[in-house]
Amino acid sequence: MIGKTRQIDAAPRGILVPGFAAGSFCHERLAPCAALARLVEHYWFVGWDMAGHAPQQQETLPHPNVHLVVEHDTDGVYGVHTARYTKVLAERGFAFGIKFRPGGFRPFLGRPVAQIADQRVALDQLFGAPGADLARGLRALAHADGAAQGEGAALACAMADLAQVFLLARLPPPDAEAERAAQLVAAIAADPALLTVAALAQQAGMNQRALQRLFQQYVGVGPKWVIKRYRMHEAVAQLQGGAAPELARLALDLGYFDQAHFIKEFTALVGKPPGAYARQVHPGAAR
């Protein structure tokens, strides 16, 4: 008997378009069973129905995680995506994913996770015929239940159960370095004042070269990238919340030398300057 999943109520971070004006969209997240908690951060499901409406563009900021994703028309394992992710949602569709903890996919992959950054690897290439079977099984559930027609929570649970059976059958032995990598990424995410690789290395009791090697092997990107991405997540969260400080203060709090550098990096990643993004998510606010 497999362990139970449970729904995650906390709001996800990094979604740049919090809601749509037309059509329907559901987003569910479920925590893994205890046996997989050291490897899997959560399962996620999105379903949409834009029939009769114009397509909508969804955008998300990157996280330092590997995802196994099955959609209505494609599937694969995706290494850390280092740029903004954009998806046009049209008609009806779904996507189900396994978001591995930082370091959590290294025991399955068997080689440095940096080798698949910004890449998609076919499920059958990594897992053989059972990988293709998993994709077919998930699609069969979606077609049976109507992925984008109001049954998102039940369908997400059914898909997560199927994914757990698949992962538990291939459960690798514990890997202390994978856990160490996960804890270091968690420390970065939890502490907005942790702004430099040197500070992280000191906290970890490692020299910076060893820290770089650990991240390339297990996370797939370097520690500097992780620090900068989580600080950008914080900036977006504050702008979405409508209570962000002046941009100069926000830039300083996030470790930027000046406001100009912050605006340049924000614009490159998000696609628009922070002021324009704040007006997008709060269109009725005073300008």
C-alpha atoms as a PDB file:
ATOM      1  CA  MET A   1       0.000   0.000   0.000  1.00  0.00           C
ATOM      2  CA  ILE A   2       1.430   3.380  -0.964  1.00  0.00           C
ATOM      3  CA  GLY A   3       1.474   6.374   1.370  1.00  0.00           C
ATOM      4  CA  LYS A   4      -1.079   9.133   1.097  1.00  0.00           C
ATOM      5  CA  THR A   5      -0.589  12.451  -0.648  1.00  0.00           C
ATOM      6  CA  ARG A   6      -2.061  15.654   0.766  1.00  0.00           C
ATOM      7  CA  GLN A   7      -2.971  18.958  -0.779  1.00  0.00           C
ATOM      8  CA  ILE A   8      -0.680  21.948  -0.278  1.00  0.00           C
ATOM      9  CA  ASP A   9      -2.572  25.114   0.629  1.00  0.00           C
ATOM     10  CA  ALA A  10       0.283  27.633   0.587  1.00  0.00           C
ATOM     11  CA  ALA A  11       0.284  29.883  -2.475  1.00  0.00           C
ATOM     12  CA  PRO A  12       2.929  28.954  -5.063  1.00  0.00           C
ATOM     13  CA  ARG A  13       5.736  31.389  -5.808  1.00  0.00           C
ATOM     14  CA  GLY A  14       6.985  32.471  -9.201  1.00  0.00           C
ATOM     15  CA  ILE A  15       3.701  32.562 -11.151  1.00  0.00           C
ATOM     16  CA  LEU A  16       3.824  35.859 -13.018  1.00  0.00           C
ATOM     17  CA  VAL A  17       0.174  35.865 -14.163  1.00  0.00           C
ATOM     18  CA  PRO A  18      -1.867  35.256 -10.978  1.00  0.00           C
ATOM     19  CA  GLY A  19      -5.226  34.941 -12.751  1.00  0.00           C
ATOM     20  CA  PHE A  20      -7.067  35.034 -16.068  1.00  0.00           C
ATOM     21  CA  ALA A  21      -9.942  37.275 -17.087  1.00  0.00           C
ATOM     22  CA  ALA A  22     -11.627  34.585 -19.198  1.00  0.00           C
ATOM     23  CA  GLY A  23     -11.832  30.815 -19.397  1.00  0.00           C
ATOM     24  CA  SER A  24     -11.091  28.446 -16.511  1.00  0.00           C
ATOM     25  CA  PHE A  25      -7.792  27.428 -14.963  1.00  0.00           C
ATOM     26  CA  CYS A  26      -7.022  25.160 -12.027  1.00  0.00           C
ATOM     27  CA  HIS A  27      -3.725  24.577 -10.249  1.00  0.00           C
ATOM     28  CA  GLU A  28      -3.327  21.818  -7.664  1.00  0.00           C
ATOM     29  CA  ARG A  29      -0.258  20.806  -5.648  1.00  0.00           C
ATOM     30  CA  LEU A  30       0.150  17.701  -3.506  1.00  0.00           C
ATOM     31  CA  ALA A  31       2.871  16.697  -1.051  1.00  0.00           C
ATOM     32  CA  PRO A  32       4.435  13.236  -1.545  1.00  0.00           C
ATOM     33  CA  CYS A  33       4.222  10.293   0.801  1.00  0.00           C
ATOM     34  CA  ALA A  34       6.847  10.035   3.539  1.00  0.00           C
ATOM     35  CA  ALA A  35       8.965   7.519   1.650  1.00  0.00           C
ATOM     36  CA  LEU A  36       9.485   9.987  -1.207  1.00  0.00           C
ATOM     37  CA  ALA A  37       9.707  13.235   0.778  1.00  0.00           C
ATOM     38  CA  ARG A  38      13.511  13.242   0.616  1.00  0.00           C
ATOM     39  CA  LEU A  39      13.369  13.268  -3.199  1.00  0.00           C
ATOM     40  CA  VAL A  40      10.115  14.931  -4.258  1.00  0.00           C
ATOM     41  CA  GLU A  41       9.064  18.458  -3.332  1.00  0.00           C
ATOM     42  CA  HIS A  42       5.522  18.051  -4.609  1.00  0.00           C
ATOM     43  CA  TYR A  43       3.299  16.930  -7.456  1.00  0.00           C
ATOM     44  CA  TRP A  44       1.500  19.576  -9.474  1.00  0.00           C
ATOM     45  CA  PHE A  45      -1.385  19.646 -11.884  1.00  0.00           C
ATOM     46  CA  VAL A  46      -2.772  22.403 -14.090  1.00  0.00           C
ATOM     47  CA  GLY A  47      -5.867  22.116 -16.248  1.00  0.00           C
ATOM     48  CA  TRP A  48      -7.405  24.778 -18.447  1.00  0.00           C
ATOM     49  CA  ASP A  49     -10.434  25.335 -20.613  1.00  0.00           C
ATOM     50  CA  MET A  50     -10.142  28.326 -22.935  1.00  0.00           C
ATOM     51  CA  ALA A  51     -12.712  27.031 -25.436  1.00  0.00           C
ATOM     52  CA  GLY A  52     -14.546  30.022 -26.866  1.00  0.00           C
ATOM     53  CA  HIS A  53     -11.965  32.429 -25.480  1.00  0.00           C
ATOM     54  CA  ALA A  54      -8.723  33.873 -26.758  1.00  0.00           C
ATOM     55  CA  PRO A  55      -5.583  31.918 -25.760  1.00  0.00           C
ATOM     56  CA  GLN A  56      -3.953  33.099 -22.536  1.00  0.00           C
ATOM     57  CA  GLN A  57      -0.233  33.283 -21.879  1.00  0.00           C
ATOM     58  CA  GLN A  58       1.076  31.978 -18.563  1.00  0.00           C
ATOM     59  CA  GLU A  59       4.586  32.773 -17.376  1.00  0.00           C
ATOM     60  CA  THR A  60       6.587  31.481 -14.419  1.00  0.00           C
ATOM     61  CA  LEU A  61       9.965  32.228 -12.932  1.00  0.00           C
ATOM     62  CA  PRO A  62      12.513  29.403 -12.838  1.00  0.00           C
ATOM     63  CA  HIS A  63      13.184  27.314  -9.719  1.00  0.00           C
ATOM     64  CA  PRO A  64      16.297  25.188  -9.033  1.00  0.00           C
ATOM     65  CA  ASN A  65      14.341  21.970  -9.559  1.00  0.00           C
ATOM     66  CA  VAL A  66      14.114  19.152 -12.078  1.00  0.00           C
ATOM     67  CA  HIS A  67      10.570  18.337 -13.262  1.00  0.00           C
ATOM     68  CA  LEU A  68       9.084  15.208 -14.775  1.00  0.00           C
ATOM     69  CA  VAL A  69       6.179  16.494 -16.882  1.00  0.00           C
ATOM     70  CA  VAL A  70       3.404  14.818 -18.846  1.00  0.00           C
ATOM     71  CA  GLU A  71       1.087  16.980 -20.949  1.00  0.00           C
ATOM     72  CA  HIS A  72      -1.683  16.178 -23.379  1.00  0.00           C
ATOM     73  CA  ASP A  73       0.782  16.379 -26.263  1.00  0.00           C
ATOM     74  CA  THR A  74       4.313  15.913 -24.879  1.00  0.00           C
ATOM     75  CA  ASP A  75       6.292  14.535 -21.936  1.00  0.00           C
ATOM     76  CA  GLY A  76       9.809  14.327 -20.560  1.00  0.00           C
ATOM     77  CA  VAL A  77      12.204  15.165 -17.748  1.00  0.00           C
ATOM     78  CA  TYR A  78      13.190  18.810 -17.782  1.00  0.00           C
ATOM     79  CA  GLY A  79      16.416  20.001 -16.213  1.00  0.00           C
ATOM     80  CA  VAL A  80      16.574  23.327 -14.391  1.00  0.00           C
ATOM     81  CA  HIS A  81      15.131  25.941 -16.722  1.00  0.00           C
ATOM     82  CA  THR A  82      17.273  29.044 -16.332  1.00  0.00           C
ATOM     83  CA  ALA A  83      15.014  31.557 -18.111  1.00  0.00           C
ATOM     84  CA  ARG A  84      11.406  32.646 -17.702  1.00  0.00           C
ATOM     85  CA  TYR A  85       9.032  29.859 -18.792  1.00  0.00           C
ATOM     86  CA  THR A  86       6.192  30.829 -21.111  1.00  0.00           C
ATOM     87  CA  LYS A  87       3.219  28.672 -22.113  1.00  0.00           C
ATOM     88  CA  VAL A  88       0.271  29.652 -24.285  1.00  0.00           C
ATOM     89  CA  LEU A  89      -2.919  28.007 -22.990  1.00  0.00           C
ATOM     90  CA  ALA A  90      -5.441  27.397 -25.753  1.00  0.00           C
ATOM     91  CA  GLU A  91      -8.612  25.291 -26.031  1.00  0.00           C
ATOM     92  CA  ARG A  92      -8.546  22.486 -23.397  1.00  0.00           C
ATOM     93  CA  GLY A  93      -5.493  20.825 -21.926  1.00  0.00           C
ATOM     94  CA  PHE A  94      -3.591  19.681 -18.867  1.00  0.00           C
ATOM     95  CA  ALA A  95      -0.103  19.210 -17.500  1.00  0.00           C
ATOM     96  CA  PHE A  96       0.978  16.991 -14.602  1.00  0.00           C
ATOM     97  CA  GLY A  97       4.401  17.263 -13.056  1.00  0.00           C
ATOM     98  CA  ILE A  98       6.692  15.838 -10.414  1.00  0.00           C
ATOM     99  CA  LYS A  99       8.793  18.622  -8.938  1.00  0.00           C
ATOM    100  CA  PHE A 100      11.883  16.980  -7.454  1.00  0.00           C
ATOM    101  CA  ARG A 101      13.653  18.547  -4.513  1.00  0.00           C
ATOM    102  CA  PRO A 102      16.946  20.240  -5.363  1.00  0.00           C
ATOM    103  CA  GLY A 103      19.340  17.294  -5.487  1.00  0.00           C
ATOM    104  CA  GLY A 104      16.462  14.824  -5.544  1.00  0.00           C
ATOM    105  CA  PHE A 105      16.763  13.770  -9.165  1.00  0.00           C
ATOM    106  CA  ARG A 106      20.526  13.083  -9.089  1.00  0.00           C
ATOM    107  CA  PRO A 107      20.056   9.531  -7.678  1.00  0.00           C
ATOM    108  CA  PHE A 108      17.688   8.711 -10.572  1.00  0.00           C
ATOM    109  CA  LEU A 109      19.847  10.359 -13.241  1.00  0.00           C
ATOM    110  CA  GLY A 110      23.187   8.893 -12.146  1.00  0.00           C
ATOM    111  CA  ARG A 111      25.243  11.799 -13.509  1.00  0.00           C
ATOM    112  CA  PRO A 112      25.647  15.554 -12.885  1.00  0.00           C
ATOM    113  CA  VAL A 113      22.303  17.301 -13.063  1.00  0.00           C
ATOM    114  CA  ALA A 114      24.010  20.281 -14.748  1.00  0.00           C
ATOM    115  CA  GLN A 115      24.254  18.109 -17.869  1.00  0.00           C
ATOM    116  CA  ILE A 116      20.495  18.388 -18.448  1.00  0.00           C
ATOM    117  CA  ALA A 117      20.019  22.085 -17.566  1.00  0.00           C
ATOM    118  CA  ASP A 118      17.693  23.780 -20.068  1.00  0.00           C
ATOM    119  CA  GLN A 119      17.081  20.404 -21.725  1.00  0.00           C
ATOM    120  CA  ARG A 120      14.272  17.893 -22.086  1.00  0.00           C
ATOM    121  CA  VAL A 121      15.098  14.182 -21.838  1.00  0.00           C
ATOM    122  CA  ALA A 122      12.514  11.663 -23.064  1.00  0.00           C
ATOM    123  CA  LEU A 123      10.986   9.455 -20.373  1.00  0.00           C
ATOM    124  CA  ASP A 124      11.799   6.255 -22.247  1.00  0.00           C
ATOM    125  CA  GLN A 125      15.427   7.368 -22.586  1.00  0.00           C
ATOM    126  CA  LEU A 126      15.749   7.594 -18.811  1.00  0.00           C
ATOM    127  CA  PHE A 127      13.355   4.894 -17.632  1.00  0.00           C
ATOM    128  CA  GLY A 128      12.862   2.646 -20.650  1.00  0.00           C
ATOM    129  CA  ALA A 129       9.426   1.291 -21.570  1.00  0.00           C
ATOM    130  CA  PRO A 130       7.984   1.938 -18.045  1.00  0.00           C
ATOM    131  CA  GLY A 131       8.560   5.672 -18.612  1.00  0.00           C
ATOM    132  CA  ALA A 132       6.399   5.589 -21.731  1.00  0.00           C
ATOM    133  CA  ASP A 133       3.817   3.514 -19.840  1.00  0.00           C
ATOM    134  CA  LEU A 134       3.650   6.158 -17.113  1.00  0.00           C
ATOM    135  CA  ALA A 135       2.917   8.869 -19.683  1.00  0.00           C
ATOM    136  CA  ARG A 136       0.190   6.768 -21.275  1.00  0.00           C
ATOM    137  CA  GLY A 137      -1.357   6.011 -17.894  1.00  0.00           C
ATOM    138  CA  LEU A 138      -1.468   9.675 -16.876  1.00  0.00           C
ATOM    139  CA  ARG A 139      -3.038  10.687 -20.185  1.00  0.00           C
ATOM    140  CA  ALA A 140      -5.631   7.923 -19.834  1.00  0.00           C
ATOM    141  CA  LEU A 141      -6.649   9.338 -16.450  1.00  0.00           C
ATOM    142  CA  ALA A 142      -6.975  12.823 -17.925  1.00  0.00           C
ATOM    143  CA  HIS A 143      -9.091  11.631 -20.841  1.00  0.00           C
ATOM    144  CA  ALA A 144     -11.321   9.577 -18.551  1.00  0.00           C
ATOM    145  CA  ASP A 145     -11.936  12.341 -15.998  1.00  0.00           C
ATOM    146  CA  GLY A 146     -11.978  15.469 -18.169  1.00  0.00           C
ATOM    147  CA  ALA A 147      -8.827  17.294 -17.140  1.00  0.00           C
ATOM    148  CA  ALA A 148     -10.038  20.810 -17.682  1.00  0.00           C
ATOM    149  CA  GLN A 149     -13.706  20.415 -16.810  1.00  0.00           C
ATOM    150  CA  GLY A 150     -13.897  20.996 -13.079  1.00  0.00           C
ATOM    151  CA  GLU A 151     -12.423  17.826 -11.561  1.00  0.00           C
ATOM    152  CA  GLY A 152      -8.902  19.140 -11.019  1.00  0.00           C
ATOM    153  CA  ALA A 153      -8.429  18.111  -7.385  1.00  0.00           C
ATOM    154  CA  ALA A 154      -9.613  14.512  -7.828  1.00  0.00           C
ATOM    155  CA  LEU A 155      -7.660  14.096 -11.038  1.00  0.00           C
ATOM    156  CA  ALA A 156      -4.497  15.512  -9.466  1.00  0.00           C
ATOM    157  CA  CYS A 157      -4.767  12.963  -6.640  1.00  0.00           C
ATOM    158  CA  ALA A 158      -5.250  10.074  -9.058  1.00  0.00           C
ATOM    159  CA  MET A 159      -2.267  11.155 -11.122  1.00  0.00           C
ATOM    160  CA  ALA A 160      -0.086  11.631  -8.034  1.00  0.00           C
ATOM    161  CA  ASP A 161      -0.980   8.110  -6.860  1.00  0.00           C
ATOM    162  CA  LEU A 162       0.075   6.668 -10.206  1.00  0.00           C
ATOM    163  CA  ALA A 163       3.330   8.651 -10.172  1.00  0.00           C
ATOM    164  CA  GLN A 164       4.098   7.473  -6.640  1.00  0.00           C
ATOM    165  CA  VAL A 165       3.765   3.822  -7.598  1.00  0.00           C
ATOM    166  CA  PHE A 166       6.214   4.490 -10.431  1.00  0.00           C
ATOM    167  CA  LEU A 167       8.773   6.270  -8.211  1.00  0.00           C
ATOM    168  CA  LEU A 168       8.511   3.854  -5.274  1.00  0.00           C
ATOM    169  CA  ALA A 169       9.292   0.956  -7.612  1.00  0.00           C
ATOM    170  CA  ARG A 170      12.570   2.749  -8.460  1.00  0.00           C
ATOM    171  CA  LEU A 171      13.371   4.221  -5.052  1.00  0.00           C
ATOM    172  CA  PRO A 172      17.135   4.825  -4.877  1.00  0.00           C
ATOM    173  CA  PRO A 173      19.124   4.445  -1.659  1.00  0.00           C
ATOM    174  CA  PRO A 174      19.636   7.510   0.521  1.00  0.00           C
ATOM    175  CA  ASP A 175      22.274   9.955  -0.717  1.00  0.00           C
ATOM    176  CA  ALA A 176      23.766  12.234   1.927  1.00  0.00           C
ATOM    177  CA  GLU A 177      25.047  14.711  -0.658  1.00  0.00           C
ATOM    178  CA  ALA A 178      21.583  15.031  -2.223  1.00  0.00           C
ATOM    179  CA  GLU A 179      20.169  15.883   1.183  1.00  0.00           C
ATOM    180  CA  ARG A 180      22.973  18.360   1.806  1.00  0.00           C
ATOM    181  CA  ALA A 181      22.254  20.115  -1.483  1.00  0.00           C
ATOM    182  CA  ALA A 182      18.536  20.280  -0.690  1.00  0.00           C
ATOM    183  CA  GLN A 183      19.187  21.789   2.727  1.00  0.00           C
ATOM    184  CA  LEU A 184      21.495  24.456   1.302  1.00  0.00           C
ATOM    185  CA  VAL A 185      18.934  25.491  -1.320  1.00  0.00           C
ATOM    186  CA  ALA A 186      16.275  25.588   1.410  1.00  0.00           C
ATOM    187  CA  ALA A 187      18.529  27.855   3.469  1.00  0.00           C
ATOM    188  CA  ILE A 188      18.818  30.268   0.532  1.00  0.00           C
ATOM    189  CA  ALA A 189      15.051  30.283   0.009  1.00  0.00           C
ATOM    190  CA  ALA A 190      14.327  30.864   3.696  1.00  0.00           C
ATOM    191  CA  ASP A 191      16.830  33.657   4.366  1.00  0.00           C
ATOM    192  CA  PRO A 192      16.546  36.772   2.160  1.00  0.00           C
ATOM    193  CA  ALA A 193      19.675  38.119   3.882  1.00  0.00           C
ATOM    194  CA  LEU A 194      21.807  35.264   2.502  1.00  0.00           C
ATOM    195  CA  LEU A 195      23.096  37.135  -0.528  1.00  0.00           C
ATOM    196  CA  THR A 196      26.541  35.794  -1.451  1.00  0.00           C
ATOM    197  CA  VAL A 197      28.184  32.495  -2.298  1.00  0.00           C
ATOM    198  CA  ALA A 198      30.867  33.284   0.283  1.00  0.00           C
ATOM    199  CA  ALA A 199      28.250  33.592   3.031  1.00  0.00           C
ATOM    200  CA  LEU A 200      26.595  30.334   1.956  1.00  0.00           C
ATOM    201  CA  ALA A 201      29.949  28.523   1.894  1.00  0.00           C
ATOM    202  CA  GLN A 202      30.730  29.767   5.382  1.00  0.00           C
ATOM    203  CA  GLN A 203      27.342  28.634   6.670  1.00  0.00           C
ATOM    204  CA  ALA A 204      27.841  25.226   5.022  1.00  0.00           C
ATOM    205  CA  GLY A 205      31.387  24.811   6.338  1.00  0.00           C
ATOM    206  CA  MET A 206      32.695  24.304   2.789  1.00  0.00           C
ATOM    207  CA  ASN A 207      35.078  26.164   0.542  1.00  0.00           C
ATOM    208  CA  GLN A 208      33.482  27.851  -2.458  1.00  0.00           C
ATOM    209  CA  ARG A 209      34.955  25.434  -5.002  1.00  0.00           C
ATOM    210  CA  ALA A 210      33.480  22.423  -3.198  1.00  0.00           C
ATOM    211  CA  LEU A 211      30.152  24.234  -2.946  1.00  0.00           C
ATOM    212  CA  GLN A 212      30.176  24.881  -6.699  1.00  0.00           C
ATOM    213  CA  ARG A 213      30.884  21.201  -7.399  1.00  0.00           C
ATOM    214  CA  LEU A 214      28.060  20.079  -5.126  1.00  0.00           C
ATOM    215  CA  PHE A 215      25.556  22.368  -6.853  1.00  0.00           C
ATOM    216  CA  GLN A 216      26.642  21.387 -10.358  1.00  0.00           C
ATOM    217  CA  GLN A 217      26.395  17.693  -9.473  1.00  0.00           C
ATOM    218  CA  TYR A 218      23.130  17.741  -7.557  1.00  0.00           C
ATOM    219  CA  VAL A 219      21.189  20.949  -8.237  1.00  0.00           C
ATOM    220  CA  GLY A 220      22.101  21.572 -11.865  1.00  0.00           C
ATOM    221  CA  VAL A 221      23.029  25.256 -11.557  1.00  0.00           C
ATOM    222  CA  GLY A 222      25.537  27.167  -9.444  1.00  0.00           C
ATOM    223  CA  PRO A 223      24.816  28.637  -5.990  1.00  0.00           C
ATOM    224  CA  LYS A 224      25.052  32.226  -7.289  1.00  0.00           C
ATOM    225  CA  TRP A 225      22.249  31.522  -9.764  1.00  0.00           C
ATOM    226  CA  VAL A 226      20.082  30.045  -6.994  1.00  0.00           C
ATOM    227  CA  ILE A 227      20.653  33.049  -4.720  1.00  0.00           C
ATOM    228  CA  LYS A 228      19.768  35.523  -7.475  1.00  0.00           C
ATOM    229  CA  ARG A 229      16.656  33.612  -8.574  1.00  0.00           C
ATOM    230  CA  TYR A 230      15.239  33.384  -5.071  1.00  0.00           C
ATOM    231  CA  ARG A 231      15.858  37.083  -4.519  1.00  0.00           C
ATOM    232  CA  MET A 232      13.954  37.744  -7.744  1.00  0.00           C
ATOM    233  CA  HIS A 233      11.136  35.527  -6.474  1.00  0.00           C
ATOM    234  CA  GLU A 234      11.047  37.742  -3.390  1.00  0.00           C
ATOM    235  CA  ALA A 235      10.867  40.887  -5.534  1.00  0.00           C
ATOM    236  CA  VAL A 236       7.956  39.500  -7.569  1.00  0.00           C
ATOM    237  CA  ALA A 237       6.128  38.389  -4.404  1.00  0.00           C
ATOM    238  CA  GLN A 238       6.446  41.855  -2.889  1.00  0.00           C
ATOM    239  CA  LEU A 239       5.244  43.544  -6.072  1.00  0.00           C
ATOM    240  CA  GLN A 240       2.298  41.144  -6.314  1.00  0.00           C
ATOM    241  CA  GLY A 241       1.450  41.818  -2.682  1.00  0.00           C
ATOM    242  CA  GLY A 242       1.165  45.500  -3.372  1.00  0.00           C
ATOM    243  CA  ALA A 243       3.263  46.412  -0.337  1.00  0.00           C
ATOM    244  CA  ALA A 244       6.691  46.612  -1.947  1.00  0.00           C
ATOM    245  CA  PRO A 245       8.985  49.378  -0.714  1.00  0.00           C
ATOM    246  CA  GLU A 246      10.459  51.974  -3.023  1.00  0.00           C
ATOM    247  CA  LEU A 247      12.494  50.296  -5.754  1.00  0.00           C
ATOM    248  CA  ALA A 248      15.754  51.703  -4.436  1.00  0.00           C
ATOM    249  CA  ARG A 249      15.087  50.152  -1.013  1.00  0.00           C
ATOM    250  CA  LEU A 250      13.909  46.867  -2.536  1.00  0.00           C
ATOM    251  CA  ALA A 251      17.075  46.657  -4.653  1.00  0.00           C
ATOM    252  CA  LEU A 252      19.250  47.279  -1.607  1.00  0.00           C
ATOM    253  CA  ASP A 253      17.396  44.723   0.507  1.00  0.00           C
ATOM    254  CA  LEU A 254      17.892  42.103  -2.214  1.00  0.00           C
ATOM    255  CA  GLY A 255      21.636  42.668  -2.351  1.00  0.00           C
ATOM    256  CA  TYR A 256      21.917  44.767  -5.505  1.00  0.00           C
ATOM    257  CA  PHE A 257      24.591  47.432  -5.733  1.00  0.00           C
ATOM    258  CA  ASP A 258      22.074  49.974  -6.980  1.00  0.00           C
ATOM    259  CA  GLN A 259      18.561  50.330  -8.343  1.00  0.00           C
ATOM    260  CA  ALA A 260      19.717  50.339 -11.983  1.00  0.00           C
ATOM    261  CA  HIS A 261      21.274  46.855 -11.700  1.00  0.00           C
ATOM    262  CA  PHE A 262      18.122  45.517 -10.045  1.00  0.00           C
ATOM    263  CA  ILE A 263      15.855  46.956 -12.752  1.00  0.00           C
ATOM    264  CA  LYS A 264      18.098  45.578 -15.499  1.00  0.00           C
ATOM    265  CA  GLU A 265      18.071  42.022 -14.082  1.00  0.00           C
ATOM    266  CA  PHE A 266      14.359  42.132 -13.249  1.00  0.00           C
ATOM    267  CA  THR A 267      13.518  43.259 -16.786  1.00  0.00           C
ATOM    268  CA  ALA A 268      15.727  40.600 -18.363  1.00  0.00           C
ATOM    269  CA  LEU A 269      14.056  37.804 -16.381  1.00  0.00           C
ATOM    270  CA  VAL A 270      10.437  38.981 -16.064  1.00  0.00           C
ATOM    271  CA  GLY A 271      10.206  40.704 -19.450  1.00  0.00           C
ATOM    272  CA  LYS A 272       9.269  44.151 -18.174  1.00  0.00           C
ATOM    273  CA  PRO A 273      10.584  46.640 -15.572  1.00  0.00           C
ATOM    274  CA  PRO A 274       9.365  46.255 -11.974  1.00  0.00           C
ATOM    275  CA  GLY A 275       7.196  49.374 -12.152  1.00  0.00           C
ATOM    276  CA  ALA A 276       5.405  48.125 -15.265  1.00  0.00           C
ATOM    277  CA  TYR A 277       4.955  44.680 -13.716  1.00  0.00           C
ATOM    278  CA  ALA A 278       3.438  46.203 -10.557  1.00  0.00           C
ATOM    279  CA  ARG A 279       0.926  48.114 -12.713  1.00  0.00           C
ATOM    280  CA  GLN A 280       0.098  44.903 -14.591  1.00  0.00           C
ATOM    281  CA  VAL A 281      -0.788  42.946 -11.453  1.00  0.00           C
ATOM    282  CA  HIS A 282      -2.521  45.924  -9.797  1.00  0.00           C
ATOM    283  CA  PRO A 283      -4.184  47.684 -12.750  1.00  0.00           C
ATOM    284  CA  GLY A 284      -6.460  49.763 -10.516  1.00  0.00           C
ATOM    285  CA  ALA A 285      -3.684  51.123  -8.321  1.00  0.00           C
ATOM    286  CA  ALA A 286      -2.602  54.737  -8.529  1.00  0.00           C
ATOM    287  CA  ARG A 287       0.363  55.323 -10.831  1.00  0.00           C
END
